[in-house]
Amino acid sequence: MSINFLFFLFLPGIIIHELSHFLVAIILFVPVGAMEFTPKVTGNKVKLGSVEIGKTDPIRRSLIGFAPVFTGLLIIPTVIYLFSSNFPFFQNINIYLYVAIILVLTYFLFAVSNTMFSSSRDMEGTLEILITLFIIFVAAYTLGFRPNFSFLEKILTKELNVGIQNSLIFLLVPISLDLFILALIKLFKDKR
């Protein structure tokens, strides 16, 4: 019963998570198989969804594995930006509708932010890629290659910085809630 509760609680995020893997695999021309949105218990682990991805090289495998993180980091600031930029419109509507919109958005962002992180299976082969990129970066830096990042000043506008800050603050909410729930579980588990 608790697994089904978690499944339905995080369902929007689970769908976005698995669709992210699926779409990036298709974009990268990696064969995909069946997609499932049913909870499965294997030993002491719970899998809330899955998509079958064909064999591929480590770079594409890493990109497919990281897809939900990229998607979550795109969705959260976008939703916050759209809501905050239209805040006066939402304030002028019926108060009950306004509260309902805030609750739905909070729930949606909570579900997405809690399911956007990749599982250990999603990250297979990523360690090798990160080590290789680190070695390349250190070698390039040692050889004197230091790119000019002045173009970032044009990209990182004040509005974008505010949106990023708001997104980071929002990400603290589910993390805090998760830590609170973990503390409660540990407290009850220790009392047994």
N, C-alpha and C. Protein backbone atom coordinates (compact mmCIF):
# COMPACT_ATOMS: atom_id res chain seq x y z
N MET A 1 0.82 -1.19 0.00
CA MET A 1 0.00 0.00 0.00
C MET A 1 0.87 1.26 0.00
N SER A 2 1.96 1.25 0.80
CA SER A 2 2.82 2.44 0.86
C SER A 2 3.55 2.65 -0.46
N ILE A 3 3.91 1.56 -1.15
CA ILE A 3 4.58 1.69 -2.45
C ILE A 3 3.63 2.29 -3.48
N ASN A 4 2.37 1.84 -3.47
CA ASN A 4 1.38 2.42 -4.38
C ASN A 4 1.14 3.89 -4.06
N PHE A 5 1.13 4.24 -2.78
CA PHE A 5 0.97 5.65 -2.39
C PHE A 5 2.11 6.48 -2.95
N LEU A 6 3.36 6.01 -2.77
CA LEU A 6 4.52 6.73 -3.31
C LEU A 6 4.45 6.84 -4.82
N PHE A 7 4.02 5.76 -5.46
CA PHE A 7 3.91 5.76 -6.91
C PHE A 7 2.96 6.86 -7.38
N PHE A 8 1.77 6.92 -6.78
CA PHE A 8 0.80 7.93 -7.20
C PHE A 8 1.21 9.33 -6.76
N LEU A 9 1.92 9.44 -5.65
CA LEU A 9 2.41 10.74 -5.20
C LEU A 9 3.40 11.34 -6.20
N PHE A 10 4.29 10.49 -6.72
CA PHE A 10 5.33 10.97 -7.62
C PHE A 10 5.04 10.71 -9.09
N LEU A 11 3.84 10.29 -9.43
CA LEU A 11 3.51 9.90 -10.81
C LEU A 11 3.88 10.94 -11.86
N PRO A 12 3.56 12.23 -11.70
CA PRO A 12 3.96 13.19 -12.75
C PRO A 12 5.48 13.21 -12.96
N GLY A 13 6.23 13.15 -11.87
CA GLY A 13 7.68 13.14 -11.97
C GLY A 13 8.21 11.85 -12.58
N ILE A 14 7.58 10.72 -12.26
CA ILE A 14 8.00 9.43 -12.82
C ILE A 14 7.81 9.44 -14.33
N ILE A 15 6.67 9.95 -14.78
CA ILE A 15 6.38 10.02 -16.22
C ILE A 15 7.41 10.90 -16.92
N ILE A 16 7.70 12.07 -16.34
CA ILE A 16 8.69 12.98 -16.94
C ILE A 16 10.07 12.33 -16.93
N HIS A 17 10.42 11.65 -15.85
CA HIS A 17 11.71 10.98 -15.73
C HIS A 17 11.91 9.95 -16.85
N GLU A 18 10.95 9.07 -16.99
CA GLU A 18 11.07 8.00 -18.00
C GLU A 18 10.97 8.55 -19.42
N LEU A 19 10.10 9.54 -19.63
CA LEU A 19 10.01 10.15 -20.97
C LEU A 19 11.31 10.86 -21.34
N SER A 20 12.01 11.41 -20.35
CA SER A 20 13.30 12.06 -20.62
C SER A 20 14.30 11.04 -21.16
N HIS A 21 14.39 9.89 -20.49
CA HIS A 21 15.27 8.83 -20.99
C HIS A 21 14.88 8.44 -22.41
N PHE A 22 13.58 8.22 -22.61
CA PHE A 22 13.04 7.77 -23.88
C PHE A 22 13.36 8.75 -25.01
N LEU A 23 13.06 10.04 -24.79
CA LEU A 23 13.25 11.05 -25.84
C LEU A 23 14.72 11.27 -26.17
N VAL A 24 15.57 11.32 -25.15
CA VAL A 24 17.00 11.52 -25.43
C VAL A 24 17.56 10.30 -26.16
N ALA A 25 17.12 9.11 -25.80
CA ALA A 25 17.57 7.91 -26.51
C ALA A 25 17.17 7.98 -27.98
N ILE A 26 15.95 8.41 -28.25
CA ILE A 26 15.50 8.52 -29.64
C ILE A 26 16.31 9.59 -30.38
N ILE A 27 16.55 10.72 -29.74
CA ILE A 27 17.33 11.80 -30.36
C ILE A 27 18.75 11.32 -30.69
N LEU A 28 19.30 10.49 -29.82
CA LEU A 28 20.67 9.98 -30.01
C LEU A 28 20.72 8.69 -30.82
N PHE A 29 19.59 8.29 -31.42
CA PHE A 29 19.48 7.10 -32.27
C PHE A 29 19.85 5.81 -31.53
N VAL A 30 19.42 5.73 -30.28
CA VAL A 30 19.63 4.51 -29.49
C VAL A 30 18.30 3.78 -29.45
N PRO A 31 18.28 2.48 -29.76
CA PRO A 31 17.01 1.75 -29.75
C PRO A 31 16.39 1.73 -28.35
N VAL A 32 15.07 1.89 -28.32
CA VAL A 32 14.33 1.84 -27.05
C VAL A 32 13.29 0.74 -27.13
N GLY A 33 13.00 0.19 -25.95
CA GLY A 33 12.00 -0.87 -25.88
C GLY A 33 10.79 -0.40 -25.10
N ALA A 34 10.25 -1.31 -24.33
CA ALA A 34 9.03 -1.02 -23.57
C ALA A 34 9.28 -0.03 -22.46
N MET A 35 8.25 0.77 -22.21
CA MET A 35 8.27 1.72 -21.10
C MET A 35 7.19 1.29 -20.12
N GLU A 36 7.55 1.25 -18.83
CA GLU A 36 6.60 0.80 -17.81
C GLU A 36 6.44 1.87 -16.74
N PHE A 37 5.22 2.00 -16.28
CA PHE A 37 4.91 2.91 -15.18
C PHE A 37 4.19 2.15 -14.08
N THR A 38 4.77 1.05 -13.67
CA THR A 38 4.19 0.27 -12.57
C THR A 38 5.28 0.00 -11.54
N PRO A 39 4.95 0.13 -10.26
CA PRO A 39 5.97 -0.11 -9.24
C PRO A 39 6.33 -1.59 -9.13
N LYS A 40 7.63 -1.85 -8.97
CA LYS A 40 8.10 -3.23 -8.81
C LYS A 40 9.10 -3.26 -7.66
N VAL A 41 8.96 -4.25 -6.80
CA VAL A 41 9.86 -4.43 -5.67
C VAL A 41 10.84 -5.55 -6.02
N THR A 42 12.13 -5.24 -5.91
CA THR A 42 13.17 -6.23 -6.15
C THR A 42 14.10 -6.21 -4.93
N GLY A 43 14.00 -7.21 -4.09
CA GLY A 43 14.80 -7.24 -2.86
C GLY A 43 14.36 -6.11 -1.94
N ASN A 44 15.28 -5.22 -1.61
CA ASN A 44 14.93 -4.07 -0.77
C ASN A 44 14.88 -2.77 -1.58
N LYS A 45 14.76 -2.89 -2.90
CA LYS A 45 14.66 -1.72 -3.77
C LYS A 45 13.30 -1.66 -4.43
N VAL A 46 12.86 -0.43 -4.70
CA VAL A 46 11.59 -0.21 -5.39
C VAL A 46 11.88 0.54 -6.68
N LYS A 47 11.35 0.01 -7.78
CA LYS A 47 11.48 0.67 -9.08
C LYS A 47 10.08 1.13 -9.47
N LEU A 48 9.91 2.47 -9.61
CA LEU A 48 8.59 3.02 -9.88
C LEU A 48 8.28 3.14 -11.37
N GLY A 49 9.29 3.02 -12.21
CA GLY A 49 9.09 3.10 -13.65
C GLY A 49 10.36 2.68 -14.36
N SER A 50 10.26 2.38 -15.64
CA SER A 50 11.45 2.00 -16.39
C SER A 50 11.20 2.14 -17.88
N VAL A 51 12.31 2.26 -18.61
CA VAL A 51 12.27 2.23 -20.07
C VAL A 51 13.50 1.44 -20.51
N GLU A 52 13.30 0.53 -21.44
CA GLU A 52 14.40 -0.30 -21.94
C GLU A 52 15.19 0.49 -22.96
N ILE A 53 16.51 0.55 -22.73
CA ILE A 53 17.41 1.26 -23.64
C ILE A 53 18.39 0.24 -24.21
N GLY A 54 18.60 0.29 -25.52
CA GLY A 54 19.52 -0.63 -26.17
C GLY A 54 20.97 -0.35 -25.82
N LYS A 55 21.85 -1.27 -26.16
CA LYS A 55 23.29 -1.09 -25.91
C LYS A 55 23.80 0.06 -26.76
N THR A 56 24.69 0.85 -26.16
CA THR A 56 25.26 2.00 -26.86
C THR A 56 26.61 2.34 -26.25
N ASP A 57 27.25 3.37 -26.79
CA ASP A 57 28.55 3.78 -26.28
C ASP A 57 28.39 4.53 -24.95
N PRO A 58 29.48 4.65 -24.17
CA PRO A 58 29.37 5.28 -22.84
C PRO A 58 28.91 6.74 -22.86
N ILE A 59 29.25 7.48 -23.90
CA ILE A 59 28.86 8.90 -23.94
C ILE A 59 27.35 9.02 -24.09
N ARG A 60 26.80 8.32 -25.06
CA ARG A 60 25.34 8.38 -25.24
C ARG A 60 24.62 7.78 -24.04
N ARG A 61 25.16 6.72 -23.45
CA ARG A 61 24.55 6.11 -22.26
C ARG A 61 24.51 7.11 -21.11
N SER A 62 25.58 7.88 -20.94
CA SER A 62 25.62 8.90 -19.88
C SER A 62 24.61 10.01 -20.14
N LEU A 63 24.53 10.45 -21.39
CA LEU A 63 23.56 11.50 -21.73
C LEU A 63 22.13 11.03 -21.48
N ILE A 64 21.85 9.79 -21.83
CA ILE A 64 20.52 9.23 -21.59
C ILE A 64 20.27 9.11 -20.08
N GLY A 65 21.29 8.70 -19.34
CA GLY A 65 21.16 8.57 -17.89
C GLY A 65 20.93 9.90 -17.21
N PHE A 66 21.60 10.96 -17.69
CA PHE A 66 21.46 12.29 -17.10
C PHE A 66 20.22 13.05 -17.58
N ALA A 67 19.52 12.52 -18.56
CA ALA A 67 18.39 13.23 -19.17
C ALA A 67 17.36 13.74 -18.15
N PRO A 68 16.94 12.95 -17.15
CA PRO A 68 15.96 13.47 -16.20
C PRO A 68 16.48 14.66 -15.38
N VAL A 69 17.79 14.67 -15.10
CA VAL A 69 18.36 15.80 -14.36
C VAL A 69 18.27 17.06 -15.22
N PHE A 70 18.68 16.94 -16.49
CA PHE A 70 18.61 18.09 -17.40
C PHE A 70 17.16 18.57 -17.56
N THR A 71 16.25 17.62 -17.71
CA THR A 71 14.84 17.96 -17.88
C THR A 71 14.29 18.65 -16.64
N GLY A 72 14.61 18.11 -15.48
CA GLY A 72 14.16 18.73 -14.23
C GLY A 72 14.71 20.13 -14.06
N LEU A 73 16.00 20.30 -14.39
CA LEU A 73 16.62 21.62 -14.28
C LEU A 73 16.09 22.60 -15.33
N LEU A 74 15.44 22.09 -16.34
CA LEU A 74 14.79 22.94 -17.33
C LEU A 74 13.35 23.25 -16.92
N ILE A 75 12.64 22.24 -16.45
CA ILE A 75 11.22 22.40 -16.10
C ILE A 75 11.04 23.30 -14.88
N ILE A 76 11.81 23.08 -13.83
CA ILE A 76 11.60 23.82 -12.58
C ILE A 76 11.78 25.32 -12.78
N PRO A 77 12.90 25.81 -13.34
CA PRO A 77 13.01 27.26 -13.54
C PRO A 77 11.97 27.81 -14.50
N THR A 78 11.62 27.02 -15.53
CA THR A 78 10.64 27.49 -16.50
C THR A 78 9.27 27.69 -15.83
N VAL A 79 8.83 26.72 -15.06
CA VAL A 79 7.54 26.84 -14.38
C VAL A 79 7.55 27.99 -13.39
N ILE A 80 8.63 28.11 -12.62
CA ILE A 80 8.72 29.21 -11.65
C ILE A 80 8.75 30.55 -12.36
N TYR A 81 9.51 30.64 -13.46
CA TYR A 81 9.58 31.89 -14.21
C TYR A 81 8.22 32.27 -14.79
N LEU A 82 7.54 31.30 -15.41
CA LEU A 82 6.24 31.59 -16.01
C LEU A 82 5.22 32.01 -14.96
N PHE A 83 5.24 31.35 -13.80
CA PHE A 83 4.30 31.70 -12.75
C PHE A 83 4.63 33.07 -12.16
N SER A 84 5.92 33.31 -11.86
CA SER A 84 6.28 34.58 -11.23
C SER A 84 6.13 35.76 -12.19
N SER A 85 6.37 35.55 -13.50
CA SER A 85 6.22 36.64 -14.45
C SER A 85 4.75 36.96 -14.71
N ASN A 86 3.86 36.01 -14.44
CA ASN A 86 2.42 36.24 -14.60
C ASN A 86 1.72 36.38 -13.25
N PHE A 87 2.49 36.67 -12.23
CA PHE A 87 1.96 36.77 -10.87
C PHE A 87 0.79 37.76 -10.74
N PRO A 88 0.89 38.97 -11.33
CA PRO A 88 -0.25 39.90 -11.23
C PRO A 88 -1.55 39.33 -11.81
N PHE A 89 -1.43 38.59 -12.91
CA PHE A 89 -2.61 37.97 -13.51
C PHE A 89 -3.25 36.98 -12.54
N PHE A 90 -2.41 36.13 -11.94
CA PHE A 90 -2.92 35.13 -11.01
C PHE A 90 -3.51 35.75 -9.75
N GLN A 91 -2.97 36.88 -9.32
CA GLN A 91 -3.49 37.54 -8.11
C GLN A 91 -4.87 38.13 -8.35
N ASN A 92 -5.15 38.51 -9.59
CA ASN A 92 -6.43 39.16 -9.89
C ASN A 92 -7.57 38.18 -10.15
N ILE A 93 -7.29 36.89 -10.17
CA ILE A 93 -8.36 35.92 -10.37
C ILE A 93 -8.95 35.54 -9.02
N ASN A 94 -9.95 34.73 -9.05
CA ASN A 94 -10.63 34.25 -7.85
C ASN A 94 -9.60 33.67 -6.86
N ILE A 95 -9.72 34.01 -5.59
CA ILE A 95 -8.76 33.58 -4.57
C ILE A 95 -8.68 32.06 -4.46
N TYR A 96 -9.80 31.37 -4.61
CA TYR A 96 -9.80 29.91 -4.53
C TYR A 96 -9.05 29.29 -5.70
N LEU A 97 -9.25 29.87 -6.88
CA LEU A 97 -8.53 29.40 -8.06
C LEU A 97 -7.04 29.69 -7.92
N TYR A 98 -6.71 30.84 -7.36
CA TYR A 98 -5.32 31.24 -7.13
C TYR A 98 -4.64 30.25 -6.18
N VAL A 99 -5.29 29.91 -5.08
CA VAL A 99 -4.74 28.96 -4.11
C VAL A 99 -4.63 27.57 -4.75
N ALA A 100 -5.62 27.19 -5.54
CA ALA A 100 -5.58 25.89 -6.22
C ALA A 100 -4.40 25.82 -7.18
N ILE A 101 -4.16 26.90 -7.93
CA ILE A 101 -3.04 26.93 -8.87
C ILE A 101 -1.72 26.80 -8.12
N ILE A 102 -1.57 27.50 -7.01
CA ILE A 102 -0.34 27.42 -6.22
C ILE A 102 -0.14 26.00 -5.68
N LEU A 103 -1.21 25.38 -5.19
CA LEU A 103 -1.10 24.02 -4.67
C LEU A 103 -0.74 23.01 -5.77
N VAL A 104 -1.35 23.14 -6.93
CA VAL A 104 -1.05 22.23 -8.04
C VAL A 104 0.39 22.41 -8.51
N LEU A 105 0.83 23.67 -8.64
CA LEU A 105 2.21 23.93 -9.06
C LEU A 105 3.20 23.41 -8.03
N THR A 106 2.90 23.60 -6.75
CA THR A 106 3.79 23.12 -5.69
C THR A 106 3.89 21.60 -5.74
N TYR A 107 2.75 20.95 -5.88
CA TYR A 107 2.75 19.48 -5.98
C TYR A 107 3.54 19.02 -7.20
N PHE A 108 3.30 19.65 -8.35
CA PHE A 108 3.98 19.27 -9.58
C PHE A 108 5.49 19.44 -9.44
N LEU A 109 5.92 20.59 -8.91
CA LEU A 109 7.34 20.84 -8.75
C LEU A 109 7.96 19.90 -7.71
N PHE A 110 7.20 19.57 -6.69
CA PHE A 110 7.67 18.61 -5.68
C PHE A 110 7.90 17.25 -6.32
N ALA A 111 6.94 16.79 -7.13
CA ALA A 111 7.06 15.48 -7.79
C ALA A 111 8.22 15.46 -8.77
N VAL A 112 8.38 16.53 -9.54
CA VAL A 112 9.46 16.58 -10.53
C VAL A 112 10.81 16.64 -9.83
N SER A 113 10.93 17.49 -8.82
CA SER A 113 12.23 17.65 -8.16
C SER A 113 12.65 16.41 -7.39
N ASN A 114 11.70 15.60 -6.94
CA ASN A 114 12.05 14.38 -6.21
C ASN A 114 12.34 13.20 -7.13
N THR A 115 11.98 13.30 -8.39
CA THR A 115 12.20 12.18 -9.31
C THR A 115 13.18 12.52 -10.44
N MET A 116 13.75 13.70 -10.40
CA MET A 116 14.63 14.11 -11.50
C MET A 116 16.04 13.52 -11.41
N PHE A 117 16.39 12.98 -10.26
CA PHE A 117 17.75 12.46 -10.09
C PHE A 117 17.85 11.06 -10.68
N SER A 118 19.00 10.77 -11.22
CA SER A 118 19.21 9.50 -11.91
C SER A 118 19.55 8.39 -10.92
N SER A 119 19.10 7.19 -11.23
CA SER A 119 19.39 6.02 -10.39
C SER A 119 20.80 5.52 -10.69
N SER A 120 21.27 4.59 -9.88
CA SER A 120 22.61 4.03 -10.10
C SER A 120 22.68 3.30 -11.45
N ARG A 121 21.59 2.69 -11.84
CA ARG A 121 21.56 2.01 -13.15
C ARG A 121 21.63 3.03 -14.29
N ASP A 122 20.99 4.19 -14.10
CA ASP A 122 21.04 5.24 -15.12
C ASP A 122 22.46 5.77 -15.31
N MET A 123 23.26 5.68 -14.26
CA MET A 123 24.58 6.28 -14.29
C MET A 123 25.69 5.33 -14.71
N GLU A 124 25.35 4.14 -15.17
CA GLU A 124 26.36 3.17 -15.61
C GLU A 124 27.24 3.78 -16.69
N GLY A 125 28.54 3.71 -16.50
CA GLY A 125 29.50 4.23 -17.48
C GLY A 125 29.82 5.70 -17.31
N THR A 126 29.12 6.39 -16.43
CA THR A 126 29.33 7.82 -16.27
C THR A 126 30.65 8.14 -15.58
N LEU A 127 31.06 7.31 -14.65
CA LEU A 127 32.31 7.56 -13.93
C LEU A 127 33.48 7.64 -14.90
N GLU A 128 33.53 6.73 -15.86
CA GLU A 128 34.61 6.75 -16.84
C GLU A 128 34.59 8.04 -17.66
N ILE A 129 33.40 8.48 -18.04
CA ILE A 129 33.26 9.73 -18.82
C ILE A 129 33.74 10.91 -17.99
N LEU A 130 33.34 11.00 -16.72
CA LEU A 130 33.74 12.11 -15.87
C LEU A 130 35.24 12.13 -15.63
N ILE A 131 35.84 10.97 -15.43
CA ILE A 131 37.30 10.90 -15.25
C ILE A 131 38.01 11.37 -16.53
N THR A 132 37.53 10.93 -17.68
CA THR A 132 38.13 11.34 -18.96
C THR A 132 38.01 12.85 -19.15
N LEU A 133 36.82 13.42 -18.88
CA LEU A 133 36.63 14.87 -19.02
C LEU A 133 37.52 15.63 -18.06
N PHE A 134 37.69 15.13 -16.84
CA PHE A 134 38.54 15.78 -15.86
C PHE A 134 40.00 15.78 -16.34
N ILE A 135 40.45 14.66 -16.86
CA ILE A 135 41.84 14.57 -17.37
C ILE A 135 42.04 15.53 -18.54
N ILE A 136 41.07 15.60 -19.44
CA ILE A 136 41.16 16.52 -20.58
C ILE A 136 41.19 17.97 -20.09
N PHE A 137 40.34 18.29 -19.12
CA PHE A 137 40.29 19.66 -18.58
C PHE A 137 41.63 20.03 -17.93
N VAL A 138 42.18 19.13 -17.10
CA VAL A 138 43.45 19.41 -16.42
C VAL A 138 44.58 19.55 -17.45
N ALA A 139 44.60 18.68 -18.46
CA ALA A 139 45.63 18.76 -19.50
C ALA A 139 45.53 20.07 -20.27
N ALA A 140 44.33 20.44 -20.66
CA ALA A 140 44.14 21.69 -21.41
C ALA A 140 44.53 22.90 -20.56
N TYR A 141 44.14 22.89 -19.30
CA TYR A 141 44.48 24.01 -18.40
C TYR A 141 45.99 24.09 -18.20
N THR A 142 46.65 22.94 -18.05
CA THR A 142 48.10 22.90 -17.86
C THR A 142 48.82 23.40 -19.10
N LEU A 143 48.28 23.10 -20.26
CA LEU A 143 48.89 23.54 -21.52
C LEU A 143 48.60 25.00 -21.84
N GLY A 144 47.84 25.67 -20.98
CA GLY A 144 47.59 27.10 -21.16
C GLY A 144 46.29 27.45 -21.84
N PHE A 145 45.46 26.47 -22.13
CA PHE A 145 44.18 26.76 -22.76
C PHE A 145 43.19 27.22 -21.69
N ARG A 146 42.91 28.49 -21.71
CA ARG A 146 41.97 29.07 -20.75
C ARG A 146 40.97 29.93 -21.54
N PRO A 147 39.81 29.35 -21.84
CA PRO A 147 38.85 30.06 -22.68
C PRO A 147 38.32 31.33 -22.01
N ASN A 148 37.91 32.26 -22.85
CA ASN A 148 37.34 33.52 -22.38
C ASN A 148 35.84 33.31 -22.19
N PHE A 149 35.37 33.51 -20.98
CA PHE A 149 33.95 33.29 -20.68
C PHE A 149 33.16 34.61 -20.59
N SER A 150 33.65 35.66 -21.25
CA SER A 150 32.96 36.95 -21.18
C SER A 150 31.58 36.89 -21.85
N PHE A 151 31.37 35.94 -22.76
CA PHE A 151 30.07 35.82 -23.43
C PHE A 151 28.96 35.45 -22.43
N LEU A 152 29.34 34.87 -21.29
CA LEU A 152 28.34 34.49 -20.29
C LEU A 152 27.62 35.70 -19.70
N GLU A 153 28.28 36.87 -19.71
CA GLU A 153 27.65 38.08 -19.18
C GLU A 153 26.40 38.44 -19.98
N LYS A 154 26.40 38.15 -21.28
CA LYS A 154 25.24 38.43 -22.12
C LYS A 154 24.13 37.42 -21.89
N ILE A 155 24.52 36.18 -21.58
CA ILE A 155 23.54 35.12 -21.37
C ILE A 155 22.91 35.21 -19.98
N LEU A 156 23.77 35.43 -18.97
CA LEU A 156 23.29 35.46 -17.58
C LEU A 156 22.73 36.84 -17.23
N THR A 157 21.54 37.12 -17.72
CA THR A 157 20.90 38.39 -17.43
C THR A 157 20.37 38.40 -16.00
N LYS A 158 19.96 39.57 -15.55
CA LYS A 158 19.45 39.70 -14.18
C LYS A 158 18.22 38.82 -13.98
N GLU A 159 17.33 38.78 -14.97
CA GLU A 159 16.12 37.96 -14.86
C GLU A 159 16.45 36.47 -14.77
N LEU A 160 17.42 36.04 -15.58
CA LEU A 160 17.81 34.64 -15.54
C LEU A 160 18.44 34.29 -14.20
N ASN A 161 19.27 35.19 -13.66
CA ASN A 161 19.88 34.95 -12.35
C ASN A 161 18.82 34.84 -11.26
N VAL A 162 17.81 35.71 -11.31
CA VAL A 162 16.72 35.65 -10.32
C VAL A 162 15.96 34.33 -10.47
N GLY A 163 15.71 33.91 -11.71
CA GLY A 163 15.02 32.64 -11.94
C GLY A 163 15.81 31.46 -11.41
N ILE A 164 17.12 31.48 -11.63
CA ILE A 164 17.98 30.40 -11.12
C ILE A 164 17.98 30.40 -9.60
N GLN A 165 18.08 31.58 -8.99
CA GLN A 165 18.05 31.66 -7.52
C GLN A 165 16.73 31.14 -6.97
N ASN A 166 15.62 31.54 -7.59
CA ASN A 166 14.31 31.05 -7.14
C ASN A 166 14.20 29.53 -7.28
N SER A 167 14.75 29.00 -8.38
CA SER A 167 14.71 27.56 -8.58
C SER A 167 15.53 26.83 -7.53
N LEU A 168 16.70 27.37 -7.21
CA LEU A 168 17.54 26.74 -6.19
C LEU A 168 16.87 26.79 -4.82
N ILE A 169 16.23 27.91 -4.52
CA ILE A 169 15.50 28.02 -3.25
C ILE A 169 14.38 27.00 -3.22
N PHE A 170 13.67 26.85 -4.35
CA PHE A 170 12.57 25.89 -4.38
C PHE A 170 13.08 24.47 -4.19
N LEU A 171 14.25 24.16 -4.77
CA LEU A 171 14.80 22.81 -4.62
C LEU A 171 15.13 22.49 -3.16
N LEU A 172 15.32 23.52 -2.34
CA LEU A 172 15.57 23.28 -0.92
C LEU A 172 14.32 22.75 -0.21
N VAL A 173 13.14 23.09 -0.72
CA VAL A 173 11.90 22.64 -0.09
C VAL A 173 11.76 21.12 -0.13
N PRO A 174 11.83 20.48 -1.31
CA PRO A 174 11.71 19.02 -1.29
C PRO A 174 12.87 18.33 -0.56
N ILE A 175 14.06 18.92 -0.65
CA ILE A 175 15.20 18.32 0.07
C ILE A 175 14.94 18.38 1.57
N SER A 176 14.45 19.52 2.06
CA SER A 176 14.14 19.66 3.49
C SER A 176 13.04 18.70 3.90
N LEU A 177 12.01 18.60 3.06
CA LEU A 177 10.91 17.69 3.35
C LEU A 177 11.40 16.24 3.36
N ASP A 178 12.24 15.89 2.41
CA ASP A 178 12.80 14.53 2.37
C ASP A 178 13.63 14.24 3.62
N LEU A 179 14.45 15.21 4.05
CA LEU A 179 15.25 15.02 5.26
C LEU A 179 14.36 14.86 6.49
N PHE A 180 13.27 15.63 6.53
CA PHE A 180 12.33 15.52 7.64
C PHE A 180 11.69 14.13 7.68
N ILE A 181 11.26 13.64 6.51
CA ILE A 181 10.64 12.32 6.42
C ILE A 181 11.65 11.24 6.81
N LEU A 182 12.89 11.36 6.32
CA LEU A 182 13.93 10.40 6.70
C LEU A 182 14.20 10.41 8.20
N ALA A 183 14.18 11.59 8.80
CA ALA A 183 14.39 11.69 10.25
C ALA A 183 13.25 11.01 11.00
N LEU A 184 12.00 11.21 10.53
CA LEU A 184 10.85 10.55 11.16
C LEU A 184 10.95 9.03 11.03
N ILE A 185 11.33 8.56 9.85
CA ILE A 185 11.47 7.12 9.65
C ILE A 185 12.54 6.56 10.58
N LYS A 186 13.67 7.26 10.67
CA LYS A 186 14.74 6.80 11.55
C LYS A 186 14.29 6.80 13.00
N LEU A 187 13.54 7.83 13.39
CA LEU A 187 13.04 7.91 14.77
C LEU A 187 12.12 6.74 15.08
N PHE A 188 11.18 6.45 14.18
CA PHE A 188 10.27 5.33 14.40
C PHE A 188 10.98 3.98 14.33
N LYS A 189 11.97 3.89 13.45
CA LYS A 189 12.71 2.65 13.30
C LYS A 189 13.55 2.37 14.57
N ASP A 190 14.13 3.43 15.15
CA ASP A 190 14.93 3.26 16.36
C ASP A 190 14.08 2.89 17.57
N LYS A 191 12.82 3.31 17.58
CA LYS A 191 11.93 3.01 18.70
C LYS A 191 11.51 1.55 18.69
N ARG A 192 11.60 0.90 17.54
CA ARG A 192 11.19 -0.52 17.44
C ARG A 192 12.17 -1.32 18.15
